């Protein structure tokens, strides 16, 4: 099996002055994840590395750069899932953690649980030796400004991958919604809504209006359509259209099938995305926008 990785940096409106940063951020994340796959690494490590890269990038609403809740604080959600055995780990409403996706993986591998929240998640992080950082280190000037004006930012980052062994994985991470209620948990921490991975079908990660995605269980719905014989593109469009017509929700999805086919689709104005397959990088933000280069060229330019 030839390895494939697909990443997204959030669906919604991306302002002109942020477009280049979003493009470079998703391409950097995709290249980092693909490097692991190319060296024979597993899909789980690849999606974790890709999402960690975007959590560390202030252009995205995850990790450093997360939007603020009604109290002006960062509360983050994340999920990771292994398609080999359907193992999953998630955290919600966590504070003072640089990379929630890493904590989600620890939940999956070091506990018998699937989801830890708020204070309990932070206690677990401490027990695992995950360093706590001051909450203000996660807050960017842009996040503070948009919080004070109650302006939304595109939410959520995610990655899906298939490795040489044919194993798939997904990872999703977010700061949520600007001015959300304290303790609000969106789709990103919920298995089947924010992400799903199953070697029998493929892996998906979602972005957009979390409450809408939770109502239709978007990530699993997409894979269900693939089980019924649809291609990744058809399944993504069908699932997004159902969410729009049924509950009025907009969003985006990335997906990779267990045969290595992929899709990045969205019903919002924009979604930053990137993929690497056969040593070829592709990326875009607008509908129909696809830039292509070899991995070697992309690495040289960076």
C-alpha atoms as a PDB file:
ATOM      1  CA  UNK A   1       0.000   0.000   0.000  1.00  0.00           C
ATOM      2  CA  UNK A   2       1.288   3.450  -0.928  1.00  0.00           C
ATOM      3  CA  UNK A   3       0.952   5.873   1.995  1.00  0.00           C
ATOM      4  CA  UNK A   4      -1.374   8.880   1.805  1.00  0.00           C
ATOM      5  CA  UNK A   5      -2.026  11.779   4.167  1.00  0.00           C
ATOM      6  CA  UNK A   6      -4.696  14.494   3.965  1.00  0.00           C
ATOM      7  CA  UNK A   7      -4.974  17.457   6.361  1.00  0.00           C
ATOM      8  CA  UNK A   8      -7.358  20.367   6.848  1.00  0.00           C
ATOM      9  CA  UNK A   9      -6.943  23.649   8.687  1.00  0.00           C
ATOM     10  CA  UNK A  10     -10.605  24.510   9.226  1.00  0.00           C
ATOM     11  CA  UNK A  11     -13.656  25.360   7.136  1.00  0.00           C
ATOM     12  CA  UNK A  12     -15.205  28.831   7.073  1.00  0.00           C
ATOM     13  CA  UNK A  13     -14.060  32.274   5.995  1.00  0.00           C
ATOM     14  CA  UNK A  14     -10.321  32.768   5.687  1.00  0.00           C
ATOM     15  CA  UNK A  15      -9.342  36.436   5.412  1.00  0.00           C
ATOM     16  CA  UNK A  16      -7.021  37.497   2.591  1.00  0.00           C
ATOM     17  CA  UNK A  17      -4.190  38.408   4.944  1.00  0.00           C
ATOM     18  CA  UNK A  18      -4.387  34.917   6.482  1.00  0.00           C
ATOM     19  CA  UNK A  19      -4.601  32.855   3.273  1.00  0.00           C
ATOM     20  CA  UNK A  20      -0.879  32.404   2.680  1.00  0.00           C
ATOM     21  CA  UNK A  21      -0.286  31.417   6.280  1.00  0.00           C
ATOM     22  CA  UNK A  22      -3.107  28.884   6.094  1.00  0.00           C
ATOM     23  CA  UNK A  23      -1.739  27.396   2.862  1.00  0.00           C
ATOM     24  CA  UNK A  24       1.799  27.109   4.171  1.00  0.00           C
ATOM     25  CA  UNK A  25       0.531  25.737   7.494  1.00  0.00           C
ATOM     26  CA  UNK A  26      -1.423  22.855   5.979  1.00  0.00           C
ATOM     27  CA  UNK A  27       1.315  22.003   3.484  1.00  0.00           C
ATOM     28  CA  UNK A  28       3.898  21.956   6.282  1.00  0.00           C
ATOM     29  CA  UNK A  29       1.663  19.660   8.340  1.00  0.00           C
ATOM     30  CA  UNK A  30       1.031  17.312   5.412  1.00  0.00           C
ATOM     31  CA  UNK A  31       4.745  17.090   4.582  1.00  0.00           C
ATOM     32  CA  UNK A  32       5.626  16.333   8.211  1.00  0.00           C
ATOM     33  CA  UNK A  33       3.051  13.567   8.411  1.00  0.00           C
ATOM     34  CA  UNK A  34       4.057  12.140   5.039  1.00  0.00           C
ATOM     35  CA  UNK A  35       7.713  12.047   6.075  1.00  0.00           C
ATOM     36  CA  UNK A  36       6.764   9.602   8.827  1.00  0.00           C
ATOM     37  CA  UNK A  37       4.749   7.443   6.419  1.00  0.00           C
ATOM     38  CA  UNK A  38       7.499   7.491   3.779  1.00  0.00           C
ATOM     39  CA  UNK A  39       9.981   6.122   6.300  1.00  0.00           C
ATOM     40  CA  UNK A  40       7.654   3.211   7.086  1.00  0.00           C
ATOM     41  CA  UNK A  41       6.007   4.846  10.097  1.00  0.00           C
ATOM     42  CA  UNK A  42       2.393   4.213  11.050  1.00  0.00           C
ATOM     43  CA  UNK A  43      -0.716   6.248  10.256  1.00  0.00           C
ATOM     44  CA  UNK A  44      -1.333   7.057  13.923  1.00  0.00           C
ATOM     45  CA  UNK A  45       2.061   8.744  14.324  1.00  0.00           C
ATOM     46  CA  UNK A  46       1.584  10.581  11.029  1.00  0.00           C
ATOM     47  CA  UNK A  47      -1.778  12.153  11.896  1.00  0.00           C
ATOM     48  CA  UNK A  48      -0.579  13.059  15.394  1.00  0.00           C
ATOM     49  CA  UNK A  49       2.496  14.791  13.966  1.00  0.00           C
ATOM     50  CA  UNK A  50       0.452  16.659  11.343  1.00  0.00           C
ATOM     51  CA  UNK A  51      -2.080  17.923  13.877  1.00  0.00           C
ATOM     52  CA  UNK A  52       0.641  18.841  16.374  1.00  0.00           C
ATOM     53  CA  UNK A  53       2.211  20.996  13.662  1.00  0.00           C
ATOM     54  CA  UNK A  54      -1.059  22.886  13.201  1.00  0.00           C
ATOM     55  CA  UNK A  55      -1.684  23.169  16.962  1.00  0.00           C
ATOM     56  CA  UNK A  56       1.694  24.956  17.158  1.00  0.00           C
ATOM     57  CA  UNK A  57       0.778  27.305  14.282  1.00  0.00           C
ATOM     58  CA  UNK A  58      -1.125  30.465  15.386  1.00  0.00           C
ATOM     59  CA  UNK A  59      -2.898  30.626  12.011  1.00  0.00           C
ATOM     60  CA  UNK A  60      -5.247  27.856  13.168  1.00  0.00           C
ATOM     61  CA  UNK A  61      -7.962  27.549  15.791  1.00  0.00           C
ATOM     62  CA  UNK A  62      -6.247  24.781  17.767  1.00  0.00           C
ATOM     63  CA  UNK A  63      -3.528  24.790  20.411  1.00  0.00           C
ATOM     64  CA  UNK A  64      -1.748  28.151  20.212  1.00  0.00           C
ATOM     65  CA  UNK A  65      -4.238  30.391  18.388  1.00  0.00           C
ATOM     66  CA  UNK A  66      -7.381  28.791  19.798  1.00  0.00           C
ATOM     67  CA  UNK A  67     -10.418  31.052  20.064  1.00  0.00           C
ATOM     68  CA  UNK A  68     -11.631  32.198  23.488  1.00  0.00           C
ATOM     69  CA  UNK A  69     -14.738  31.214  25.450  1.00  0.00           C
ATOM     70  CA  UNK A  70     -17.146  33.670  27.077  1.00  0.00           C
ATOM     71  CA  UNK A  71     -14.686  34.247  29.928  1.00  0.00           C
ATOM     72  CA  UNK A  72     -11.795  34.965  27.582  1.00  0.00           C
ATOM     73  CA  UNK A  73     -10.112  31.613  28.230  1.00  0.00           C
ATOM     74  CA  UNK A  74      -8.891  28.828  25.940  1.00  0.00           C
ATOM     75  CA  UNK A  75     -10.709  25.485  26.233  1.00  0.00           C
ATOM     76  CA  UNK A  76      -9.723  22.836  23.685  1.00  0.00           C
ATOM     77  CA  UNK A  77     -11.061  19.510  22.360  1.00  0.00           C
ATOM     78  CA  UNK A  78      -9.236  16.757  20.458  1.00  0.00           C
ATOM     79  CA  UNK A  79      -9.654  13.163  19.281  1.00  0.00           C
ATOM     80  CA  UNK A  80      -7.447  10.484  17.734  1.00  0.00           C
ATOM     81  CA  UNK A  81      -8.518   7.082  16.412  1.00  0.00           C
ATOM     82  CA  UNK A  82      -6.751   3.953  15.217  1.00  0.00           C
ATOM     83  CA  UNK A  83      -8.521   2.175  12.362  1.00  0.00           C
ATOM     84  CA  UNK A  84      -6.777  -1.119  13.102  1.00  0.00           C
ATOM     85  CA  UNK A  85      -8.686  -1.879  16.317  1.00  0.00           C
ATOM     86  CA  UNK A  86     -11.096   1.104  16.633  1.00  0.00           C
ATOM     87  CA  UNK A  87      -9.184   2.328  19.687  1.00  0.00           C
ATOM     88  CA  UNK A  88      -9.778   6.014  20.346  1.00  0.00           C
ATOM     89  CA  UNK A  89      -8.819   8.692  22.840  1.00  0.00           C
ATOM     90  CA  UNK A  90     -10.228  12.161  23.316  1.00  0.00           C
ATOM     91  CA  UNK A  91     -10.079  15.170  25.614  1.00  0.00           C
ATOM     92  CA  UNK A  92     -12.485  18.066  25.986  1.00  0.00           C
ATOM     93  CA  UNK A  93     -12.470  21.514  27.581  1.00  0.00           C
ATOM     94  CA  UNK A  94      -8.767  21.202  28.446  1.00  0.00           C
ATOM     95  CA  UNK A  95      -6.701  24.222  29.435  1.00  0.00           C
ATOM     96  CA  UNK A  96      -3.004  25.048  29.650  1.00  0.00           C
ATOM     97  CA  UNK A  97      -1.923  22.170  27.357  1.00  0.00           C
ATOM     98  CA  UNK A  98       0.116  23.031  24.252  1.00  0.00           C
ATOM     99  CA  UNK A  99      -0.886  19.938  22.255  1.00  0.00           C
ATOM    100  CA  UNK A 100      -4.268  18.410  23.154  1.00  0.00           C
ATOM    101  CA  UNK A 101      -3.838  15.792  20.406  1.00  0.00           C
ATOM    102  CA  UNK A 102      -0.895  14.283  22.285  1.00  0.00           C
ATOM    103  CA  UNK A 103      -2.995  14.117  25.448  1.00  0.00           C
ATOM    104  CA  UNK A 104      -5.814  12.441  23.502  1.00  0.00           C
ATOM    105  CA  UNK A 105      -3.394   9.748  22.359  1.00  0.00           C
ATOM    106  CA  UNK A 106      -2.272   9.179  25.954  1.00  0.00           C
ATOM    107  CA  UNK A 107      -5.922   8.709  26.948  1.00  0.00           C
ATOM    108  CA  UNK A 108      -6.216   6.057  24.220  1.00  0.00           C
ATOM    109  CA  UNK A 109      -3.015   4.230  25.126  1.00  0.00           C
ATOM    110  CA  UNK A 110      -2.672   4.688  28.891  1.00  0.00           C
ATOM    111  CA  UNK A 111      -6.265   4.414  30.169  1.00  0.00           C
ATOM    112  CA  UNK A 112      -9.280   2.168  29.726  1.00  0.00           C
ATOM    113  CA  UNK A 113     -11.368   5.227  28.833  1.00  0.00           C
ATOM    114  CA  UNK A 114     -12.040   7.042  25.580  1.00  0.00           C
ATOM    115  CA  UNK A 115     -12.768  10.604  26.731  1.00  0.00           C
ATOM    116  CA  UNK A 116     -11.495  12.693  29.621  1.00  0.00           C
ATOM    117  CA  UNK A 117     -12.756  16.207  30.226  1.00  0.00           C
ATOM    118  CA  UNK A 118     -11.842  19.496  31.886  1.00  0.00           C
ATOM    119  CA  UNK A 119     -10.208  19.167  35.343  1.00  0.00           C
ATOM    120  CA  UNK A 120      -9.931  15.380  35.089  1.00  0.00           C
ATOM    121  CA  UNK A 121      -8.115  15.624  31.772  1.00  0.00           C
ATOM    122  CA  UNK A 122      -5.680  18.133  33.220  1.00  0.00           C
ATOM    123  CA  UNK A 123      -5.047  15.918  36.266  1.00  0.00           C
ATOM    124  CA  UNK A 124      -4.333  13.035  33.896  1.00  0.00           C
ATOM    125  CA  UNK A 125      -1.958  15.232  31.901  1.00  0.00           C
ATOM    126  CA  UNK A 126      -0.073  16.040  35.088  1.00  0.00           C
ATOM    127  CA  UNK A 127       0.128  12.347  36.001  1.00  0.00           C
ATOM    128  CA  UNK A 128       1.525  11.588  32.538  1.00  0.00           C
ATOM    129  CA  UNK A 129       4.184  14.270  32.861  1.00  0.00           C
ATOM    130  CA  UNK A 130       2.660  16.511  30.210  1.00  0.00           C
ATOM    131  CA  UNK A 131       3.950  20.017  30.961  1.00  0.00           C
ATOM    132  CA  UNK A 132       1.382  22.629  31.889  1.00  0.00           C
ATOM    133  CA  UNK A 133       1.843  26.038  30.308  1.00  0.00           C
ATOM    134  CA  UNK A 134       0.296  29.373  31.294  1.00  0.00           C
ATOM    135  CA  UNK A 135      -3.076  29.768  29.576  1.00  0.00           C
ATOM    136  CA  UNK A 136      -2.112  33.151  28.144  1.00  0.00           C
ATOM    137  CA  UNK A 137       0.654  31.478  26.111  1.00  0.00           C
ATOM    138  CA  UNK A 138      -2.063  29.911  23.970  1.00  0.00           C
ATOM    139  CA  UNK A 139      -3.825  33.240  23.376  1.00  0.00           C
ATOM    140  CA  UNK A 140      -2.826  35.280  20.333  1.00  0.00           C
ATOM    141  CA  UNK A 141      -3.556  38.966  19.894  1.00  0.00           C
ATOM    142  CA  UNK A 142      -5.887  38.065  17.030  1.00  0.00           C
ATOM    143  CA  UNK A 143      -7.900  35.678  19.202  1.00  0.00           C
ATOM    144  CA  UNK A 144      -8.260  38.323  21.903  1.00  0.00           C
ATOM    145  CA  UNK A 145      -9.331  40.958  19.387  1.00  0.00           C
ATOM    146  CA  UNK A 146     -11.901  38.712  17.694  1.00  0.00           C
ATOM    147  CA  UNK A 147     -13.226  37.601  21.090  1.00  0.00           C
ATOM    148  CA  UNK A 148     -13.811  41.216  22.144  1.00  0.00           C
ATOM    149  CA  UNK A 149     -15.730  41.839  18.908  1.00  0.00           C
ATOM    150  CA  UNK A 150     -17.448  38.413  18.959  1.00  0.00           C
ATOM    151  CA  UNK A 151     -16.111  37.539  15.497  1.00  0.00           C
ATOM    152  CA  UNK A 152     -15.819  33.917  14.413  1.00  0.00           C
ATOM    153  CA  UNK A 153     -12.708  32.200  13.067  1.00  0.00           C
ATOM    154  CA  UNK A 154     -12.574  28.980  11.020  1.00  0.00           C
ATOM    155  CA  UNK A 155     -12.458  26.162  13.525  1.00  0.00           C
ATOM    156  CA  UNK A 156     -10.629  22.890  13.890  1.00  0.00           C
ATOM    157  CA  UNK A 157      -7.611  21.180  12.335  1.00  0.00           C
ATOM    158  CA  UNK A 158      -7.447  17.543  11.333  1.00  0.00           C
ATOM    159  CA  UNK A 159      -5.576  14.789   9.522  1.00  0.00           C
ATOM    160  CA  UNK A 160      -6.285  11.352   8.067  1.00  0.00           C
ATOM    161  CA  UNK A 161      -3.745   8.864   6.753  1.00  0.00           C
ATOM    162  CA  UNK A 162      -3.140   5.361   5.482  1.00  0.00           C
ATOM    163  CA  UNK A 163       0.267   3.725   5.953  1.00  0.00           C
ATOM    164  CA  UNK A 164       2.275   1.050   4.143  1.00  0.00           C
ATOM    165  CA  UNK A 165       0.502  -1.683   6.097  1.00  0.00           C
ATOM    166  CA  UNK A 166      -2.947  -0.439   5.061  1.00  0.00           C
ATOM    167  CA  UNK A 167      -3.812   0.891   8.517  1.00  0.00           C
ATOM    168  CA  UNK A 168      -5.797   4.140   8.686  1.00  0.00           C
ATOM    169  CA  UNK A 169      -6.036   6.766  11.422  1.00  0.00           C
ATOM    170  CA  UNK A 170      -7.628  10.148  12.067  1.00  0.00           C
ATOM    171  CA  UNK A 171      -6.893  13.072  14.385  1.00  0.00           C
ATOM    172  CA  UNK A 172      -8.880  16.268  15.012  1.00  0.00           C
ATOM    173  CA  UNK A 173      -8.198  19.223  17.326  1.00  0.00           C
ATOM    174  CA  UNK A 174      -9.908  22.559  17.984  1.00  0.00           C
ATOM    175  CA  UNK A 175     -10.325  25.583  20.199  1.00  0.00           C
ATOM    176  CA  UNK A 176     -14.059  25.530  19.463  1.00  0.00           C
ATOM    177  CA  UNK A 177     -16.315  28.536  18.945  1.00  0.00           C
ATOM    178  CA  UNK A 178     -15.576  32.151  19.842  1.00  0.00           C
ATOM    179  CA  UNK A 179     -17.456  33.195  22.994  1.00  0.00           C
ATOM    180  CA  UNK A 180     -18.761  29.664  23.590  1.00  0.00           C
ATOM    181  CA  UNK A 181     -20.203  28.845  27.000  1.00  0.00           C
ATOM    182  CA  UNK A 182     -17.678  27.631  29.550  1.00  0.00           C
ATOM    183  CA  UNK A 183     -17.581  23.831  29.351  1.00  0.00           C
ATOM    184  CA  UNK A 184     -19.030  23.617  25.840  1.00  0.00           C
ATOM    185  CA  UNK A 185     -17.871  20.508  24.000  1.00  0.00           C
ATOM    186  CA  UNK A 186     -18.184  20.316  20.226  1.00  0.00           C
ATOM    187  CA  UNK A 187     -17.866  17.554  17.677  1.00  0.00           C
ATOM    188  CA  UNK A 188     -14.070  17.367  17.759  1.00  0.00           C
ATOM    189  CA  UNK A 189     -13.967  15.278  20.944  1.00  0.00           C
ATOM    190  CA  UNK A 190     -16.860  13.036  19.904  1.00  0.00           C
ATOM    191  CA  UNK A 191     -16.150   9.761  18.128  1.00  0.00           C
ATOM    192  CA  UNK A 192     -18.106   9.563  14.864  1.00  0.00           C
ATOM    193  CA  UNK A 193     -18.715  13.311  14.697  1.00  0.00           C
ATOM    194  CA  UNK A 194     -15.257  14.916  14.763  1.00  0.00           C
ATOM    195  CA  UNK A 195     -13.496  11.919  13.302  1.00  0.00           C
ATOM    196  CA  UNK A 196     -13.665   8.192  12.672  1.00  0.00           C
ATOM    197  CA  UNK A 197     -11.214   5.550  11.451  1.00  0.00           C
ATOM    198  CA  UNK A 198     -11.846   1.937  10.470  1.00  0.00           C
ATOM    199  CA  UNK A 199      -9.486  -0.178   8.374  1.00  0.00           C
ATOM    200  CA  UNK A 200     -12.519  -1.836   6.782  1.00  0.00           C
ATOM    201  CA  UNK A 201     -13.561   1.479   5.198  1.00  0.00           C
ATOM    202  CA  UNK A 202     -11.231   4.443   5.724  1.00  0.00           C
ATOM    203  CA  UNK A 203     -10.726   7.499   7.939  1.00  0.00           C
ATOM    204  CA  UNK A 204     -12.385  10.920   8.090  1.00  0.00           C
ATOM    205  CA  UNK A 205     -11.964  14.206   9.973  1.00  0.00           C
ATOM    206  CA  UNK A 206     -14.500  17.032  10.039  1.00  0.00           C
ATOM    207  CA  UNK A 207     -14.603  20.807  10.517  1.00  0.00           C
ATOM    208  CA  UNK A 208     -17.333  23.428  10.661  1.00  0.00           C
ATOM    209  CA  UNK A 209     -20.375  23.950  12.875  1.00  0.00           C
ATOM    210  CA  UNK A 210     -19.863  21.378  15.601  1.00  0.00           C
ATOM    211  CA  UNK A 211     -23.428  21.116  16.837  1.00  0.00           C
ATOM    212  CA  UNK A 212     -24.643  20.363  13.304  1.00  0.00           C
ATOM    213  CA  UNK A 213     -22.000  17.687  12.816  1.00  0.00           C
ATOM    214  CA  UNK A 214     -22.956  16.062  16.122  1.00  0.00           C
ATOM    215  CA  UNK A 215     -26.609  15.907  15.054  1.00  0.00           C
ATOM    216  CA  UNK A 216     -25.813  13.920  11.909  1.00  0.00           C
ATOM    217  CA  UNK A 217     -22.664  12.130  13.227  1.00  0.00           C
ATOM    218  CA  UNK A 218     -20.888  13.452  10.145  1.00  0.00           C
ATOM    219  CA  UNK A 219     -17.569  11.580  10.187  1.00  0.00           C
ATOM    220  CA  UNK A 220     -19.239   8.177  10.517  1.00  0.00           C
ATOM    221  CA  UNK A 221     -22.047   9.113   8.099  1.00  0.00           C
ATOM    222  CA  UNK A 222     -19.463   9.810   5.403  1.00  0.00           C
ATOM    223  CA  UNK A 223     -17.834   6.397   5.899  1.00  0.00           C
ATOM    224  CA  UNK A 224     -21.274   4.752   5.861  1.00  0.00           C
ATOM    225  CA  UNK A 225     -21.855   6.142   2.367  1.00  0.00           C
ATOM    226  CA  UNK A 226     -18.492   4.704   1.309  1.00  0.00           C
ATOM    227  CA  UNK A 227     -19.557   1.331   2.704  1.00  0.00           C
ATOM    228  CA  UNK A 228     -22.544   1.562   0.363  1.00  0.00           C
ATOM    229  CA  UNK A 229     -20.212   1.897  -2.625  1.00  0.00           C
ATOM    230  CA  UNK A 230     -19.707   5.653  -3.006  1.00  0.00           C
ATOM    231  CA  UNK A 231     -16.304   7.116  -3.803  1.00  0.00           C
ATOM    232  CA  UNK A 232     -14.727   9.388  -1.171  1.00  0.00           C
ATOM    233  CA  UNK A 233     -15.768  12.492  -3.148  1.00  0.00           C
ATOM    234  CA  UNK A 234     -19.367  11.282  -3.584  1.00  0.00           C
ATOM    235  CA  UNK A 235     -19.623  10.236   0.057  1.00  0.00           C
ATOM    236  CA  UNK A 236     -18.221  13.551   1.307  1.00  0.00           C
ATOM    237  CA  UNK A 237     -20.565  15.627  -0.844  1.00  0.00           C
ATOM    238  CA  UNK A 238     -23.586  13.488   0.083  1.00  0.00           C
ATOM    239  CA  UNK A 239     -22.858  13.720   3.816  1.00  0.00           C
ATOM    240  CA  UNK A 240     -22.252  17.480   3.691  1.00  0.00           C
ATOM    241  CA  UNK A 241     -25.406  18.031   1.643  1.00  0.00           C
ATOM    242  CA  UNK A 242     -27.463  16.004   4.130  1.00  0.00           C
ATOM    243  CA  UNK A 243     -26.143  18.105   7.025  1.00  0.00           C
ATOM    244  CA  UNK A 244     -26.973  21.312   5.143  1.00  0.00           C
ATOM    245  CA  UNK A 245     -30.504  20.312   4.135  1.00  0.00           C
ATOM    246  CA  UNK A 246     -31.416  18.493   7.360  1.00  0.00           C
ATOM    247  CA  UNK A 247     -30.063  20.847  10.026  1.00  0.00           C
ATOM    248  CA  UNK A 248     -28.745  23.868   8.082  1.00  0.00           C
ATOM    249  CA  UNK A 249     -25.123  23.198   8.980  1.00  0.00           C
ATOM    250  CA  UNK A 250     -22.058  24.030   6.900  1.00  0.00           C
ATOM    251  CA  UNK A 251     -18.639  22.460   7.156  1.00  0.00           C
ATOM    252  CA  UNK A 252     -15.883  20.466   5.537  1.00  0.00           C
ATOM    253  CA  UNK A 253     -14.424  16.979   5.571  1.00  0.00           C
ATOM    254  CA  UNK A 254     -11.273  15.135   4.605  1.00  0.00           C
ATOM    255  CA  UNK A 255     -11.277  11.395   3.998  1.00  0.00           C
ATOM    256  CA  UNK A 256      -8.989   8.609   2.848  1.00  0.00           C
ATOM    257  CA  UNK A 257     -10.318   5.190   1.837  1.00  0.00           C
ATOM    258  CA  UNK A 258      -8.695   1.862   2.684  1.00  0.00           C
ATOM    259  CA  UNK A 259      -7.578   1.700  -0.952  1.00  0.00           C
ATOM    260  CA  UNK A 260      -5.778   5.068  -0.745  1.00  0.00           C
ATOM    261  CA  UNK A 261      -8.341   7.258  -2.547  1.00  0.00           C
ATOM    262  CA  UNK A 262      -8.966  10.594  -0.853  1.00  0.00           C
ATOM    263  CA  UNK A 263     -11.153  13.698  -0.847  1.00  0.00           C
ATOM    264  CA  UNK A 264     -11.189  17.182   0.695  1.00  0.00           C
ATOM    265  CA  UNK A 265     -14.650  18.749   0.334  1.00  0.00           C
ATOM    266  CA  UNK A 266     -16.495  21.644   1.950  1.00  0.00           C
ATOM    267  CA  UNK A 267     -19.806  23.525   1.823  1.00  0.00           C
ATOM    268  CA  UNK A 268     -18.372  26.707   3.362  1.00  0.00           C
ATOM    269  CA  UNK A 269     -16.714  29.502   1.385  1.00  0.00           C
ATOM    270  CA  UNK A 270     -13.223  28.138   2.077  1.00  0.00           C
ATOM    271  CA  UNK A 271     -11.264  25.342   3.732  1.00  0.00           C
ATOM    272  CA  UNK A 272      -7.491  25.062   3.820  1.00  0.00           C
ATOM    273  CA  UNK A 273      -6.353  21.539   2.958  1.00  0.00           C
ATOM    274  CA  UNK A 274      -3.326  19.628   1.704  1.00  0.00           C
ATOM    275  CA  UNK A 275      -2.527  16.063   0.715  1.00  0.00           C
ATOM    276  CA  UNK A 276       0.519  14.030  -0.237  1.00  0.00           C
ATOM    277  CA  UNK A 277       0.270  10.870  -2.334  1.00  0.00           C
ATOM    278  CA  UNK A 278       2.857   9.276  -4.644  1.00  0.00           C
ATOM    279  CA  UNK A 279       5.389  11.931  -3.538  1.00  0.00           C
ATOM    280  CA  UNK A 280       3.120  14.639  -4.947  1.00  0.00           C
ATOM    281  CA  UNK A 281       1.820  17.504  -2.818  1.00  0.00           C
ATOM    282  CA  UNK A 282      -1.542  19.136  -3.567  1.00  0.00           C
ATOM    283  CA  UNK A 283      -3.214  21.923  -1.612  1.00  0.00           C
ATOM    284  CA  UNK A 284      -5.815  24.666  -1.803  1.00  0.00           C
ATOM    285  CA  UNK A 285      -8.299  26.927  -0.015  1.00  0.00           C
ATOM    286  CA  UNK A 286     -11.059  27.815  -2.500  1.00  0.00           C
ATOM    287  CA  UNK A 287     -13.419  25.440  -4.322  1.00  0.00           C
ATOM    288  CA  UNK A 288     -11.612  24.203  -7.421  1.00  0.00           C
ATOM    289  CA  UNK A 289      -8.234  25.562  -6.310  1.00  0.00           C
ATOM    290  CA  UNK A 290      -5.529  22.889  -6.526  1.00  0.00           C
ATOM    291  CA  UNK A 291      -1.817  23.662  -6.463  1.00  0.00           C
ATOM    292  CA  UNK A 292       0.512  20.766  -7.254  1.00  0.00           C
ATOM    293  CA  UNK A 293       4.227  20.189  -6.761  1.00  0.00           C
ATOM    294  CA  UNK A 294       6.567  17.334  -6.023  1.00  0.00           C
ATOM    295  CA  UNK A 295       7.483  16.714  -2.394  1.00  0.00           C
ATOM    296  CA  UNK A 296      11.118  17.457  -3.259  1.00  0.00           C
ATOM    297  CA  UNK A 297      10.185  20.877  -4.714  1.00  0.00           C
ATOM    298  CA  UNK A 298       7.969  21.666  -1.749  1.00  0.00           C
ATOM    299  CA  UNK A 299      10.692  20.812   0.750  1.00  0.00           C
ATOM    300  CA  UNK A 300      13.227  22.887  -1.156  1.00  0.00           C
ATOM    301  CA  UNK A 301      10.949  25.943  -1.145  1.00  0.00           C
ATOM    302  CA  UNK A 302      10.483  25.610   2.615  1.00  0.00           C
END
